[in-house]
Amino acid sequence: MNERRIVRRSRRDRKGKTDWARVDALTDEDIAKAVAEDPDAAPLLDAEWFKQARIVLPEPKVAVSIRLDREVLDWFKRLGPGYQTRMNAVLRAYVQAHRKSR
């Protein structure tokens, strides 16, 4: 890896628009209250939840050879890295949509 591209950060490098003094002044109670009032926040998980939690690994992908129109492949590739993952997501959505209709 090129050393010139590595950016090192420390806790003292706080820049941007965040009011870090206000953040640092928050108590645990303030944070818990803000989380409880946020409708988009994930629920707080307790020890009981973690006792019942199970790791579920995704199924491994299958390597295949497929013929595609050049225009289709180029379009996905132009979107950048991860084009195969995006193509899989489109195909998965198609399968799920058609699975429901039958």
Protein backbone atom coordinates (compact mmCIF):
# COMPACT_ATOMS: atom_id res chain seq x y z
CA MET A 1 0.00 0.00 0.00
CA ASN A 2 1.26 3.47 -0.77
CA GLU A 3 2.26 5.24 2.46
CA ARG A 4 1.21 8.62 1.02
CA ARG A 5 -2.42 7.49 0.91
CA ILE A 6 -2.60 6.40 4.54
CA VAL A 7 -4.35 8.97 6.73
CA ARG A 8 -3.79 8.66 10.45
CA ARG A 9 -6.29 10.12 12.89
CA SER A 10 -6.29 10.53 16.63
CA ARG A 11 -8.91 11.65 19.12
CA ARG A 12 -7.35 15.12 19.02
CA ASP A 13 -8.04 15.44 15.27
CA ARG A 14 -11.70 16.32 15.79
CA LYS A 15 -12.71 18.52 12.88
CA GLY A 16 -15.90 19.27 11.07
CA LYS A 17 -19.17 20.78 12.24
CA THR A 18 -19.66 18.60 15.33
CA ASP A 19 -19.79 20.46 18.64
CA TRP A 20 -17.40 18.08 20.43
CA ALA A 21 -17.51 20.04 23.70
CA ARG A 22 -21.27 19.44 23.86
CA VAL A 23 -20.82 15.76 22.99
CA ASP A 24 -18.12 15.34 25.65
CA ALA A 25 -20.42 16.94 28.23
CA LEU A 26 -23.22 14.38 27.67
CA THR A 27 -23.84 11.97 30.52
CA ASP A 28 -24.78 8.32 30.07
CA GLU A 29 -28.32 9.26 31.09
CA ASP A 30 -28.45 12.00 28.42
CA ILE A 31 -27.35 9.52 25.77
CA ALA A 32 -29.82 6.83 26.91
CA LYS A 33 -32.66 9.38 26.85
CA ALA A 34 -31.71 10.57 23.34
CA VAL A 35 -31.60 6.99 22.07
CA ALA A 36 -34.98 6.19 23.66
CA GLU A 37 -36.55 9.24 21.99
CA ASP A 38 -35.06 8.54 18.55
CA PRO A 39 -37.60 6.62 16.41
CA ASP A 40 -34.83 5.51 14.04
CA ALA A 41 -32.56 4.08 16.74
CA ALA A 42 -32.21 0.33 17.01
CA PRO A 43 -33.60 -1.09 20.26
CA LEU A 44 -31.16 -1.43 23.14
CA LEU A 45 -30.18 -5.06 23.55
CA ASP A 46 -29.92 -6.64 26.98
CA ALA A 47 -28.00 -9.65 28.30
CA GLU A 48 -31.00 -11.94 27.68
CA TRP A 49 -31.03 -11.05 23.99
CA PHE A 50 -27.33 -11.91 23.70
CA LYS A 51 -27.89 -15.26 25.46
CA GLN A 52 -30.41 -16.24 22.78
CA ALA A 53 -28.52 -14.74 19.82
CA ARG A 54 -27.09 -17.15 17.26
CA ILE A 55 -24.53 -16.51 14.57
CA VAL A 56 -25.98 -17.16 11.13
CA LEU A 57 -23.44 -17.24 8.33
CA PRO A 58 -24.57 -16.45 4.80
CA GLU A 59 -24.48 -19.21 2.24
CA PRO A 60 -21.33 -19.09 0.15
CA LYS A 61 -21.66 -17.79 -3.38
CA VAL A 62 -21.37 -20.18 -6.30
CA ALA A 63 -18.88 -19.37 -9.05
CA VAL A 64 -20.52 -19.55 -12.48
CA SER A 65 -19.73 -18.61 -16.03
CA ILE A 66 -22.51 -16.52 -17.59
CA ARG A 67 -22.91 -14.76 -20.89
CA LEU A 68 -24.24 -11.21 -20.66
CA ASP A 69 -24.85 -8.45 -23.14
CA ARG A 70 -21.79 -6.18 -23.21
CA GLU A 71 -24.03 -3.15 -22.57
CA VAL A 72 -25.45 -4.74 -19.38
CA LEU A 73 -22.03 -5.67 -18.00
CA ASP A 74 -20.54 -2.27 -18.86
CA TRP A 75 -23.41 -0.48 -17.14
CA PHE A 76 -22.89 -2.36 -13.87
CA LYS A 77 -19.10 -1.96 -14.07
CA ARG A 78 -19.43 1.81 -14.59
CA LEU A 79 -21.05 2.04 -11.16
CA GLY A 80 -17.72 1.03 -9.64
CA PRO A 81 -16.43 -1.74 -7.40
CA GLY A 82 -19.01 -4.26 -6.25
CA TYR A 83 -20.72 -4.60 -9.61
CA GLN A 84 -21.09 -8.38 -9.19
CA THR A 85 -22.74 -7.88 -5.80
CA ARG A 86 -25.15 -5.35 -7.35
CA MET A 87 -25.95 -7.74 -10.18
CA ASN A 88 -26.67 -10.45 -7.60
CA ALA A 89 -28.96 -8.05 -5.69
CA VAL A 90 -30.94 -7.30 -8.88
CA LEU A 91 -31.31 -10.99 -9.65
CA ARG A 92 -32.29 -11.74 -6.03
CA ALA A 93 -34.99 -9.02 -6.14
CA TYR A 94 -36.31 -10.52 -9.38
CA VAL A 95 -36.47 -14.00 -7.82
CA GLN A 96 -38.22 -12.72 -4.70
CA ALA A 97 -40.75 -10.72 -6.71
CA HIS A 98 -41.61 -13.70 -8.87
CA ARG A 99 -41.59 -16.17 -6.00
CA LYS A 100 -44.35 -14.16 -4.25
CA SER A 101 -46.53 -14.01 -7.35
CA ARG A 102 -46.74 -17.78 -7.77
